[in-house]
Amino acid sequence: MTFAYDYIIIGGGLAGTIVASGLHAKLPSSSILLLEAGEDRFAHPFTTEPLKAPLAHNSELDWNLSTLPQPHLGNRICYQGAGKALGGSAAINHGTWTRGPKVDYDRWAVLVGDARWSYNQLLPYFPKTEIRSAEEDVSRFSSKPGVVYTATSSQSHSRRVYGLRECVKRAWVESGIGDGDGDGGFPVGISERVENWNQGRRQHVHRVFGLDGVQVLTKSQVGRILFRDGEKVPVAYGVELVGGAKFLARKEVILSAGTYHSPKILMLSGIGEKGKLMNMGIQQRVESPYVGRNFHDHIAVPIVWRLREKKKEMNRSFGDYMEDPVMKLGWPSDWLVFAGLERNIVKDAIEKDGGHLNNPSSQLLLNPSCVFTETMNFYTPVGTTIAGMDAPMDGTCISSIVLGVSPTSRGEITISSADPLAPPVINPNYYATELDRVAIRSAVRKAFEVYQGSDALKDIVECEVPPLAYESLTAISTDDEIDDRVRRVGITSFDPAGSCSMGRVVDPELRVNGVKGLRIVDASVIPLPLAAHLQVAVHALGARAVEFVAAQHNLN
């Protein structure tokens, strides 16, 4: 028996769940099916408590993907995590909540020729948030439907104060860093890290945005989208699961499988570059050569600092944080530092990369408000396990992570066969451009200046702890020395996007070019890197998509 619904949504991640919930609220008489390859992991400890989130890596909650050997990272094969559960990666992430710079959204609008994707026009679609009182009883957990609670560490509880908090901030201020305004669209400077943990518990998207009235099928992996011939272009009319079960869509299929799997499903369904599809034995439906291209991700570079013996009492071990009901409300972190680059440095790098300073893309990067790096400051080693570094978690070491948040390197997602169970082929092409390298070098040098050269920290931080067999870096390390370190420890920061890019694969209303009845709603459509962790942007993307689909529904 084949079942039919008005709308079928492929993927129960952040975007897919928001779309399913929103469509049911706006179109309550419509039938909606949400298909998710993973399971509902609401009660799983790895998805619930902040400090247990890293345990989800390489677990049953993770697609556990890998890249091709990365030529600019010493041909290393890099881990790529992605959530395999209701909520997708939002079910296993670390909760960092940043909107990103106004200039990035405005660049997005310029690139796709549609002002609806500018910062000011997207602002109403950013989710409603509330700051929890610092005096909230941590033994109680409460929430309101449709509300995402956010807080900095100091706002989450009056006693959640880290011993090195003021020293770290003074060190950055001493180096010339001013205050940033992340909520206002101008994050350059130092600001408190905001998290979307609610009293130390994850706000699962399918509980915040309820799915009552939506048919939800978990453990249901889609193999391909079904098309019939239309008057001018193919029309999506349903989906086929791995195993052969089919579901029909009367109005639309909405693909929200994420940056890695949305292009994979398109290609398996015959949408892509003809030569590649023929090589896999897949009949082409639509020539769409940009499917899978324009993939971008933020590269991350962990740096570990050892505290001086006499200053170790200022910090606590990871185990201590796990045992303290106040300190385990979120991650042992409080400060983010966003930085730009001098205009002449950007110009020189663009020219070395073969770009032309008068083309639109270069002009956008030359905007003085453009943000190129983010440095996250933690009171425990973070990112070291993924990077293959040995760092003790006993309170003797803290860490910084430098992120390149406006990369110009572009990679690709493709497939290796017509088998829907085969993983996508991932090539981020990390660290491929001079502009990316210049940005990371600048931020790494700044971190060493702050942690080893400032009056506020020089008597607290003893030294950097380099990877085994590597020399320590300094604020005056050469370009080659820093590049060599990045090749050794550069990892994903879990912000993949762009593989079904707006303006190429989808139009500004998220409709797939060349077909009818099919949209894509997830981070894969974001056409350029946002200097942000992508939760807020994807919330807005999902909310805006609901408006587009509902408007089309009312026209029909």
Protein backbone atom coordinates (compact mmCIF):
# COMPACT_ATOMS: atom_id res chain seq x y z
CA MET A 1 0.00 0.00 0.00
CA THR A 2 1.30 3.50 -0.89
CA PHE A 3 0.37 6.40 1.39
CA ALA A 4 -0.12 9.98 0.18
CA TYR A 5 0.41 13.25 2.05
CA ASP A 6 0.18 16.90 1.08
CA TYR A 7 3.78 17.54 2.12
CA ILE A 8 6.69 15.18 2.64
CA ILE A 9 9.75 16.47 4.48
CA ILE A 10 12.97 14.50 4.12
CA GLY A 11 15.05 14.90 7.27
CA GLY A 12 13.97 15.60 10.84
CA GLY A 13 16.89 17.84 11.69
CA LEU A 14 16.68 21.44 12.84
CA ALA A 15 15.31 22.88 9.57
CA GLY A 16 13.03 19.96 8.72
CA THR A 17 11.44 19.92 12.14
CA ILE A 18 10.84 23.69 12.14
CA VAL A 19 9.25 23.44 8.69
CA ALA A 20 7.03 20.50 9.69
CA SER A 21 5.87 22.19 12.88
CA GLY A 22 5.35 25.56 11.20
CA LEU A 23 3.43 24.16 8.26
CA HIS A 24 1.06 22.29 10.56
CA ALA A 25 0.42 25.50 12.51
CA LYS A 26 -0.29 27.51 9.33
CA LEU A 27 -2.04 24.77 7.36
CA PRO A 28 -3.69 22.57 10.01
CA SER A 29 -5.86 20.76 7.48
CA SER A 30 -2.83 19.62 5.45
CA SER A 31 -1.31 16.20 5.93
CA ILE A 32 2.43 16.26 6.62
CA LEU A 33 4.94 13.41 6.74
CA LEU A 34 8.36 13.89 8.33
CA LEU A 35 10.94 11.20 7.52
CA GLU A 36 14.09 10.84 9.64
CA ALA A 37 16.88 8.30 9.12
CA GLY A 38 17.80 8.32 12.82
CA GLU A 39 15.75 7.79 15.95
CA ASP A 40 14.17 9.94 18.64
CA ARG A 41 17.04 10.28 21.12
CA PHE A 42 15.30 12.70 23.49
CA ALA A 43 16.30 10.82 26.65
CA HIS A 44 19.78 9.78 25.57
CA PRO A 45 22.41 11.21 27.95
CA PHE A 46 24.69 12.26 25.07
CA THR A 47 21.91 14.48 23.70
CA THR A 48 20.77 15.85 27.04
CA GLU A 49 23.66 17.17 29.14
CA PRO A 50 26.10 19.79 27.81
CA LEU A 51 29.33 18.19 28.98
CA LYS A 52 28.39 14.78 27.54
CA ALA A 53 27.82 16.12 24.01
CA PRO A 54 31.35 15.15 22.78
CA LEU A 55 30.55 11.52 23.55
CA ALA A 56 28.08 11.57 20.65
CA HIS A 57 30.98 11.72 18.19
CA ASN A 58 31.51 8.32 16.55
CA SER A 59 28.48 6.92 18.38
CA GLU A 60 25.16 5.60 17.09
CA LEU A 61 23.96 9.23 17.14
CA ASP A 62 26.49 10.22 14.48
CA TRP A 63 26.68 9.58 10.74
CA ASN A 64 30.44 9.35 11.45
CA LEU A 65 31.56 10.66 8.08
CA SER A 66 35.08 11.29 6.76
CA THR A 67 36.66 13.48 4.12
CA LEU A 68 38.83 12.57 1.21
CA PRO A 69 42.55 13.14 1.92
CA GLN A 70 42.98 16.91 2.25
CA PRO A 71 45.89 18.13 0.10
CA HIS A 72 46.41 21.33 2.11
CA LEU A 73 46.29 19.48 5.44
CA GLY A 74 49.07 17.01 4.75
CA ASN A 75 46.68 14.61 2.97
CA ARG A 76 44.96 13.83 6.25
CA ILE A 77 41.52 12.21 6.20
CA CYS A 78 39.41 14.33 8.54
CA TYR A 79 36.42 13.36 10.66
CA GLN A 80 33.08 15.00 9.78
CA GLY A 81 30.35 14.59 12.38
CA ALA A 82 26.64 14.94 11.65
CA GLY A 83 23.71 14.11 13.90
CA LYS A 84 21.68 11.01 13.08
CA ALA A 85 18.59 11.56 15.21
CA LEU A 86 15.49 13.70 15.39
CA GLY A 87 16.95 17.18 15.62
CA GLY A 88 19.92 16.25 13.43
CA SER A 89 23.15 17.93 14.43
CA ALA A 90 21.18 20.20 16.77
CA ALA A 91 20.67 17.07 18.90
CA ILE A 92 24.41 16.62 19.51
CA ASN A 93 26.04 20.05 19.12
CA HIS A 94 27.73 22.08 21.87
CA GLY A 95 25.10 24.79 21.97
CA THR A 96 26.98 27.90 20.82
CA TRP A 97 24.43 30.51 19.73
CA THR A 98 25.62 33.34 17.47
CA ARG A 99 23.68 35.31 14.85
CA GLY A 100 26.62 36.38 12.74
CA PRO A 101 27.52 39.74 11.19
CA LYS A 102 25.01 41.91 9.39
CA VAL A 103 27.45 42.23 6.50
CA ASP A 104 27.32 38.46 5.81
CA TYR A 105 23.54 38.35 5.42
CA ASP A 106 23.68 41.48 3.28
CA ARG A 107 26.33 39.79 1.09
CA TRP A 108 23.97 36.80 0.81
CA ALA A 109 21.18 39.09 -0.43
CA VAL A 110 23.50 40.71 -2.98
CA LEU A 111 24.77 37.36 -4.29
CA VAL A 112 21.26 35.99 -4.93
CA GLY A 113 19.74 39.31 -5.99
CA ASP A 114 16.99 39.22 -3.36
CA ALA A 115 16.80 41.63 -0.43
CA ARG A 116 14.65 39.18 1.56
CA TRP A 117 17.87 37.44 2.62
CA SER A 118 19.45 40.62 4.01
CA TYR A 119 20.05 40.97 7.73
CA ASN A 120 17.27 43.46 8.38
CA GLN A 121 14.68 41.42 6.50
CA LEU A 122 15.73 38.15 8.14
CA LEU A 123 15.79 39.64 11.63
CA PRO A 124 12.07 39.02 12.28
CA TYR A 125 12.65 35.32 11.49
CA PHE A 126 15.39 34.85 14.06
CA PRO A 127 13.83 32.76 16.81
CA LYS A 128 12.25 34.36 19.83
CA THR A 129 14.68 33.98 22.71
CA GLU A 130 14.51 34.63 26.42
CA ILE A 131 17.36 34.99 28.89
CA ARG A 132 16.96 32.87 31.99
CA SER A 133 17.32 34.58 35.34
CA ALA A 134 20.69 34.12 37.01
CA GLU A 135 18.82 33.03 40.13
CA GLU A 136 16.81 30.28 38.44
CA ASP A 137 16.61 27.09 40.49
CA VAL A 138 18.82 24.62 38.59
CA SER A 139 16.79 21.69 39.87
CA ARG A 140 13.79 22.83 37.76
CA PHE A 141 13.51 22.59 34.01
CA SER A 142 10.71 24.43 32.27
CA SER A 143 10.06 25.59 28.74
CA LYS A 144 7.45 27.24 26.57
CA PRO A 145 6.45 25.96 23.13
CA GLY A 146 8.24 27.79 20.33
CA VAL A 147 10.66 29.55 22.69
CA VAL A 148 14.41 28.89 22.62
CA TYR A 149 16.02 29.92 25.91
CA THR A 150 19.53 31.32 25.67
CA ALA A 151 22.03 32.62 28.20
CA THR A 152 25.68 33.41 28.74
CA SER A 153 27.51 31.47 31.44
CA SER A 154 27.10 34.29 33.97
CA GLN A 155 23.40 34.68 33.13
CA SER A 156 22.69 30.96 33.50
CA HIS A 157 23.51 31.09 37.22
CA SER A 158 25.13 33.61 39.54
CA ARG A 159 27.61 30.97 40.80
CA ARG A 160 28.70 29.82 37.34
CA VAL A 161 31.88 31.89 37.31
CA TYR A 162 35.19 30.47 36.08
CA GLY A 163 38.36 31.24 38.02
CA LEU A 164 40.26 32.56 34.99
CA ARG A 165 37.33 34.51 33.56
CA GLU A 166 38.49 38.04 34.36
CA CYS A 167 42.14 37.30 33.62
CA VAL A 168 41.30 36.04 30.14
CA LYS A 169 39.14 39.05 29.37
CA ARG A 170 41.77 41.51 30.66
CA ALA A 171 44.39 39.84 28.47
CA TRP A 172 42.30 40.31 25.32
CA VAL A 173 41.43 43.91 26.21
CA GLU A 174 45.08 44.59 26.96
CA SER A 175 45.91 43.43 23.41
CA GLY A 176 43.61 46.08 21.95
CA ILE A 177 40.39 44.08 21.52
CA GLY A 178 37.22 46.08 22.20
CA ASP A 179 33.67 44.98 22.94
CA GLY A 180 31.68 43.24 20.21
CA ASP A 181 27.93 43.33 19.65
CA GLY A 182 26.95 39.89 18.44
CA ASP A 183 23.21 40.41 18.88
CA GLY A 184 23.35 43.65 16.92
CA GLY A 185 25.10 42.26 13.85
CA PHE A 186 28.54 43.75 14.58
CA PRO A 187 30.43 41.04 16.50
CA VAL A 188 34.03 42.24 15.97
CA GLY A 189 35.59 42.34 19.44
CA ILE A 190 35.11 40.33 22.61
CA SER A 191 31.72 39.21 23.89
CA GLU A 192 30.31 36.54 26.14
CA ARG A 193 29.56 33.20 24.57
CA VAL A 194 25.80 32.59 24.41
CA GLU A 195 24.45 29.04 24.68
CA ASN A 196 21.02 27.58 24.04
CA TRP A 197 21.03 25.21 26.99
CA ASN A 198 18.02 25.57 29.30
CA GLN A 199 19.01 24.90 32.90
CA GLY A 200 21.66 22.45 31.75
CA ARG A 201 19.38 20.55 29.39
CA ARG A 202 19.24 20.50 25.61
CA GLN A 203 16.16 22.07 24.07
CA HIS A 204 15.32 19.36 21.56
CA VAL A 205 13.89 21.01 18.48
CA HIS A 206 11.04 18.51 18.18
CA ARG A 207 9.93 19.39 21.71
CA VAL A 208 10.32 23.17 21.34
CA PHE A 209 8.52 23.14 17.99
CA GLY A 210 5.92 20.44 18.58
CA LEU A 211 5.11 17.81 15.99
CA ASP A 212 1.58 16.99 17.15
CA GLY A 213 -0.47 16.62 13.99
CA VAL A 214 2.60 15.65 11.92
CA GLN A 215 3.18 12.03 10.92
CA VAL A 216 6.76 11.24 11.99
CA LEU A 217 8.58 8.14 10.82
CA THR A 218 12.05 7.54 12.28
CA LYS A 219 14.57 4.95 11.05
CA SER A 220 13.34 5.87 7.56
CA GLN A 221 16.21 6.72 5.22
CA VAL A 222 15.20 8.17 1.84
CA GLY A 223 16.93 6.66 -1.18
CA ARG A 224 15.57 8.94 -3.87
CA ILE A 225 12.89 11.45 -4.80
CA LEU A 226 10.30 10.31 -7.33
CA PHE A 227 9.52 12.39 -10.44
CA ARG A 228 6.94 12.27 -13.18
CA ASP A 229 7.04 14.11 -16.47
CA GLY A 230 5.38 17.50 -16.35
CA GLU A 231 4.31 19.88 -19.09
CA LYS A 232 7.69 21.64 -19.11
CA VAL A 233 9.83 20.19 -16.32
CA PRO A 234 9.79 17.08 -14.11
CA VAL A 235 7.47 17.20 -11.10
CA ALA A 236 8.39 15.68 -7.71
CA TYR A 237 5.52 13.48 -6.60
CA GLY A 238 6.96 11.40 -3.77
CA VAL A 239 9.90 9.58 -2.22
CA GLU A 240 11.26 6.06 -2.06
CA LEU A 241 12.89 4.79 1.11
CA VAL A 242 15.88 2.51 1.29
CA GLY A 243 14.12 -0.85 1.16
CA GLY A 244 11.56 0.21 -1.43
CA ALA A 245 8.63 1.72 0.51
CA LYS A 246 7.10 4.69 -1.31
CA PHE A 247 5.18 7.74 -0.11
CA LEU A 248 3.42 10.19 -2.41
CA ALA A 249 3.26 13.99 -2.06
CA ARG A 250 0.24 15.84 -3.43
CA LYS A 251 1.80 19.30 -3.17
CA GLU A 252 5.53 19.39 -2.37
CA VAL A 253 8.55 17.40 -1.32
CA ILE A 254 10.85 19.37 0.99
CA LEU A 255 14.44 18.16 1.22
CA SER A 256 16.05 18.92 4.60
CA ALA A 257 18.62 16.16 4.85
CA GLY A 258 21.53 18.50 5.58
CA THR A 259 24.62 19.75 3.80
CA TYR A 260 26.09 16.27 3.30
CA HIS A 261 22.96 14.30 2.41
CA SER A 262 20.75 16.75 0.51
CA PRO A 263 23.10 16.87 -2.53
CA LYS A 264 23.54 13.11 -2.28
CA ILE A 265 19.77 12.54 -2.48
CA LEU A 266 19.48 14.99 -5.39
CA MET A 267 22.15 13.10 -7.34
CA LEU A 268 20.62 9.71 -6.53
CA SER A 269 17.36 11.14 -7.89
CA GLY A 270 18.92 12.23 -11.18
CA ILE A 271 19.59 15.90 -10.46
CA GLY A 272 23.22 16.80 -11.07
CA GLU A 273 25.97 16.85 -13.65
CA LYS A 274 25.25 14.41 -16.47
CA GLY A 275 28.72 12.90 -16.72
CA LYS A 276 28.94 12.14 -13.00
CA LEU A 277 25.48 10.61 -12.91
CA MET A 278 26.16 8.44 -15.97
CA ASN A 279 29.33 7.13 -14.34
CA MET A 280 27.16 5.95 -11.43
CA GLY A 281 24.54 4.39 -13.67
CA ILE A 282 21.95 7.01 -12.68
CA GLN A 283 19.52 8.34 -15.28
CA GLN A 284 19.66 12.12 -15.34
CA ARG A 285 16.45 14.05 -14.82
CA VAL A 286 17.84 17.60 -14.67
CA GLU A 287 21.22 19.03 -15.63
CA SER A 288 22.36 20.84 -12.48
CA PRO A 289 26.17 20.92 -12.41
CA TYR A 290 26.40 22.93 -9.19
CA VAL A 291 24.80 20.24 -7.02
CA GLY A 292 27.40 19.43 -4.37
CA ARG A 293 29.69 22.32 -5.29
CA ASN A 294 30.36 25.51 -3.33
CA PHE A 295 30.69 23.43 -0.16
CA HIS A 296 32.26 25.42 2.67
CA ASP A 297 33.07 24.76 6.31
CA HIS A 298 34.88 26.62 9.07
CA ILE A 299 38.29 25.11 9.74
CA ALA A 300 39.24 25.01 13.44
CA VAL A 301 42.73 25.04 14.99
CA PRO A 302 42.96 23.94 18.66
CA ILE A 303 45.70 25.45 20.87
CA VAL A 304 46.40 24.06 24.36
CA TRP A 305 47.93 26.11 27.19
CA ARG A 306 49.53 24.66 30.34
CA LEU A 307 49.02 26.62 33.55
CA ARG A 308 51.91 27.39 35.89
CA GLU A 309 52.11 25.09 38.88
CA LYS A 310 51.28 27.79 41.41
CA LYS A 311 48.25 28.94 39.38
CA LYS A 312 46.55 25.59 38.85
CA GLU A 313 44.23 26.22 41.78
CA MET A 314 42.56 28.94 39.70
CA ASN A 315 41.07 26.27 37.40
CA ARG A 316 39.12 23.03 37.83
CA SER A 317 39.25 19.60 36.21
CA PHE A 318 36.66 18.46 33.70
CA GLY A 319 35.53 15.89 36.26
CA ASP A 320 34.89 18.67 38.79
CA TYR A 321 32.73 20.49 36.25
CA MET A 322 30.79 17.27 35.62
CA GLU A 323 30.07 16.85 39.33
CA ASP A 324 28.99 20.43 40.08
CA PRO A 325 25.29 21.00 39.23
CA VAL A 326 25.93 24.69 38.54
CA MET A 327 29.14 24.38 36.52
CA LYS A 328 27.72 21.67 34.28
CA LEU A 329 24.91 23.96 33.09
CA GLY A 330 27.00 24.55 29.97
CA TRP A 331 30.50 24.44 28.56
CA PRO A 332 33.49 25.76 30.59
CA SER A 333 33.80 28.81 28.40
CA ASP A 334 32.71 32.44 28.46
CA TRP A 335 34.53 34.62 25.91
CA LEU A 336 34.40 34.74 22.10
CA VAL A 337 36.67 37.03 20.08
CA PHE A 338 35.75 37.94 16.50
CA ALA A 339 38.31 39.69 14.32
CA GLY A 340 38.60 41.23 10.87
CA LEU A 341 41.67 41.83 8.71
CA GLU A 342 43.30 45.01 7.47
CA ARG A 343 42.04 45.94 4.02
CA ASN A 344 45.50 45.90 2.40
CA ILE A 345 46.14 42.39 3.72
CA VAL A 346 42.85 41.19 2.23
CA LYS A 347 43.67 42.86 -1.09
CA ASP A 348 47.10 41.23 -1.30
CA ALA A 349 45.68 37.79 -0.49
CA ILE A 350 42.89 38.09 -3.04
CA GLU A 351 45.43 39.02 -5.74
CA LYS A 352 47.66 36.07 -4.79
CA ASP A 353 44.61 33.82 -5.11
CA GLY A 354 44.08 35.12 -8.64
CA GLY A 355 41.02 37.20 -7.80
CA HIS A 356 40.17 40.58 -9.25
CA LEU A 357 39.68 43.37 -6.76
CA ASN A 358 36.87 44.91 -8.78
CA ASN A 359 34.63 41.85 -8.99
CA PRO A 360 31.58 41.65 -6.68
CA SER A 361 32.90 38.80 -4.50
CA SER A 362 36.15 40.61 -3.79
CA GLN A 363 34.36 43.86 -3.06
CA LEU A 364 32.21 42.11 -0.48
CA LEU A 365 35.29 40.69 1.27
CA LEU A 366 36.85 44.14 1.35
CA ASN A 367 33.98 45.49 3.44
CA PRO A 368 35.56 46.75 6.70
CA SER A 369 32.85 44.98 8.73
CA CYS A 370 33.78 41.56 7.31
CA VAL A 371 34.73 39.04 10.04
CA PHE A 372 37.46 36.51 9.21
CA THR A 373 38.21 34.66 12.45
CA GLU A 374 36.66 33.65 15.74
CA THR A 375 38.71 32.60 18.77
CA MET A 376 36.87 30.56 21.38
CA ASN A 377 38.34 30.41 24.89
CA PHE A 378 37.82 27.31 27.05
CA TYR A 379 38.90 26.32 30.58
CA THR A 380 39.58 22.75 29.51
CA PRO A 381 41.16 21.26 26.36
CA VAL A 382 38.56 21.24 23.56
CA GLY A 383 38.85 19.78 20.07
CA THR A 384 42.00 17.89 20.97
CA THR A 385 40.58 14.38 20.67
CA ILE A 386 39.33 15.01 17.12
CA ALA A 387 42.67 16.64 16.26
CA GLY A 388 44.62 13.67 17.65
CA MET A 389 46.32 15.71 20.38
CA ASP A 390 47.13 14.50 23.88
CA ALA A 391 45.98 16.99 26.52
CA PRO A 392 45.14 16.28 30.17
CA MET A 393 41.64 17.12 31.43
CA ASP A 394 42.75 17.47 35.05
CA GLY A 395 42.57 21.27 35.23
CA THR A 396 46.23 21.83 34.41
CA CYS A 397 45.45 22.89 30.82
CA ILE A 398 43.07 25.30 29.12
CA SER A 399 42.59 25.94 25.41
CA SER A 400 41.74 28.29 22.57
CA ILE A 401 40.24 27.32 19.23
CA VAL A 402 40.86 29.55 16.24
CA LEU A 403 38.18 29.32 13.53
CA GLY A 404 38.36 30.64 9.99
CA VAL A 405 34.78 31.87 9.66
CA SER A 406 34.85 33.51 6.19
CA PRO A 407 36.73 30.90 4.16
CA THR A 408 37.20 31.39 0.44
CA SER A 409 38.23 27.74 -0.02
CA ARG A 410 35.45 25.74 -1.67
CA GLY A 411 34.96 22.01 -1.75
CA GLU A 412 32.44 19.51 -3.05
CA ILE A 413 30.04 16.80 -1.94
CA THR A 414 29.44 13.96 -4.40
CA ILE A 415 28.63 10.26 -4.47
CA SER A 416 30.67 7.13 -5.12
CA SER A 417 27.87 4.91 -6.40
CA ALA A 418 24.11 4.61 -6.91
CA ASP A 419 23.85 2.79 -3.57
CA PRO A 420 21.85 5.03 -1.19
CA LEU A 421 23.59 3.41 1.79
CA ALA A 422 27.03 4.49 0.59
CA PRO A 423 28.23 7.59 2.46
CA PRO A 424 28.60 10.87 0.59
CA VAL A 425 32.07 11.70 -0.71
CA ILE A 426 33.24 14.81 1.14
CA ASN A 427 36.01 17.11 0.01
CA PRO A 428 36.04 20.38 2.01
CA ASN A 429 39.30 21.49 0.36
CA TYR A 430 40.35 23.08 3.64
CA TYR A 431 43.03 25.80 3.75
CA ALA A 432 43.34 26.03 -0.02
CA THR A 433 43.52 29.81 -0.45
CA GLU A 434 46.01 32.44 0.63
CA LEU A 435 43.23 34.52 2.20
CA ASP A 436 42.23 31.60 4.44
CA ARG A 437 45.84 31.07 5.45
CA VAL A 438 46.44 34.77 6.14
CA ALA A 439 43.36 34.91 8.36
CA ILE A 440 44.28 31.84 10.42
CA ARG A 441 47.90 32.92 10.81
CA SER A 442 46.79 36.31 12.08
CA ALA A 443 44.43 34.84 14.68
CA VAL A 444 46.93 32.20 15.83
CA ARG A 445 49.59 34.88 16.37
CA LYS A 446 47.08 37.00 18.27
CA ALA A 447 46.22 34.09 20.56
CA PHE A 448 49.91 33.62 21.40
CA GLU A 449 50.29 37.34 22.02
CA VAL A 450 47.34 37.26 24.44
CA TYR A 451 48.08 34.01 26.30
CA GLN A 452 51.87 34.32 26.52
CA GLY A 453 52.62 38.02 26.19
CA SER A 454 49.92 39.84 28.15
CA ASP A 455 50.45 41.09 31.70
CA ALA A 456 47.14 39.51 32.67
CA LEU A 457 48.15 35.93 31.69
CA LYS A 458 51.93 35.73 31.39
CA ASP A 459 52.28 34.69 35.05
CA ILE A 460 49.38 32.23 34.76
CA VAL A 461 50.10 30.44 31.48
CA GLU A 462 53.41 28.55 31.51
CA CYS A 463 53.59 27.42 27.88
CA GLU A 464 51.78 26.03 24.87
CA VAL A 465 51.40 22.24 24.70
CA PRO A 466 52.12 21.33 21.06
CA PRO A 467 51.24 18.03 19.40
CA LEU A 468 53.77 15.24 19.92
CA ALA A 469 57.00 15.83 17.96
CA TYR A 470 56.10 19.45 17.17
CA GLU A 471 57.82 22.58 18.43
CA SER A 472 55.81 25.19 20.30
CA LEU A 473 54.66 28.20 18.33
CA THR A 474 55.03 31.84 19.36
CA ALA A 475 53.53 35.20 18.44
CA ILE A 476 56.37 35.64 15.93
CA SER A 477 56.30 32.18 14.37
CA THR A 478 56.79 32.14 10.62
CA ASP A 479 54.03 31.55 8.10
CA ASP A 480 55.48 28.13 7.31
CA GLU A 481 55.55 27.13 10.99
CA ILE A 482 51.92 28.08 11.52
CA ASP A 483 50.84 26.43 8.27
CA ASP A 484 52.64 23.27 9.31
CA ARG A 485 50.70 23.25 12.59
CA VAL A 486 47.39 23.79 10.81
CA ARG A 487 48.18 20.87 8.51
CA ARG A 488 48.65 18.72 11.61
CA VAL A 489 45.67 19.77 13.77
CA GLY A 490 43.12 21.55 11.52
CA ILE A 491 39.65 20.06 12.00
CA THR A 492 36.02 20.81 11.22
CA SER A 493 34.10 23.19 13.45
CA PHE A 494 30.84 21.48 12.38
CA ASP A 495 29.47 24.36 10.30
CA PRO A 496 29.14 22.78 6.82
CA ALA A 497 27.00 24.61 4.26
CA GLY A 498 26.64 25.62 0.62
CA SER A 499 26.40 22.30 -1.22
CA CYS A 500 22.97 23.11 -2.76
CA SER A 501 23.67 26.78 -3.07
CA MET A 502 20.98 29.42 -3.49
CA GLY A 503 21.38 31.13 -6.83
CA ARG A 504 22.72 27.95 -8.40
CA VAL A 505 20.76 24.90 -7.26
CA VAL A 506 17.75 26.61 -5.68
CA ASP A 507 16.07 29.96 -6.27
CA PRO A 508 15.56 32.58 -3.53
CA GLU A 509 12.33 30.86 -2.46
CA LEU A 510 14.26 27.60 -2.01
CA ARG A 511 12.68 25.87 -5.04
CA VAL A 512 15.02 23.49 -6.86
CA ASN A 513 15.81 24.85 -10.31
CA GLY A 514 14.58 22.77 -13.24
CA VAL A 515 11.81 20.87 -11.44
CA LYS A 516 8.48 21.55 -9.78
CA GLY A 517 7.26 20.54 -6.35
CA LEU A 518 10.68 20.31 -4.69
CA ARG A 519 12.41 22.68 -2.25
CA ILE A 520 15.54 22.43 -0.15
CA VAL A 521 15.49 23.85 3.37
CA ASP A 522 18.72 23.38 5.29
CA ALA A 523 22.21 24.87 5.55
CA SER A 524 23.16 23.44 2.16
CA VAL A 525 21.42 26.40 0.47
CA ILE A 526 23.46 29.08 2.26
CA PRO A 527 25.55 30.45 -0.62
CA LEU A 528 28.47 31.88 1.34
CA PRO A 529 30.07 31.31 4.74
CA LEU A 530 28.47 33.06 7.69
CA ALA A 531 30.84 34.13 10.47
CA ALA A 532 28.62 32.34 12.96
CA HIS A 533 27.66 28.98 14.35
CA LEU A 534 24.75 28.12 12.11
CA GLN A 535 21.90 27.33 14.52
CA VAL A 536 20.36 30.81 14.46
CA ALA A 537 20.63 31.12 10.68
CA VAL A 538 18.98 27.73 10.14
CA HIS A 539 16.18 28.63 12.54
CA ALA A 540 15.52 31.73 10.41
CA LEU A 541 15.83 29.73 7.19
CA GLY A 542 13.22 27.24 8.37
CA ALA A 543 10.82 29.94 9.53
CA ARG A 544 11.11 31.82 6.24
CA ALA A 545 10.57 28.58 4.29
CA VAL A 546 7.28 28.01 6.09
CA GLU A 547 6.10 31.39 4.78
CA PHE A 548 7.13 30.50 1.21
CA VAL A 549 5.40 27.10 1.26
CA ALA A 550 2.25 28.46 2.89
CA ALA A 551 2.03 31.27 0.34
CA GLN A 552 2.36 28.75 -2.53
CA HIS A 553 -0.29 26.55 -0.89
CA ASN A 554 -2.74 29.46 -0.75
CA LEU A 555 -2.13 30.21 -4.44
CA ASN A 556 -2.97 26.68 -5.54
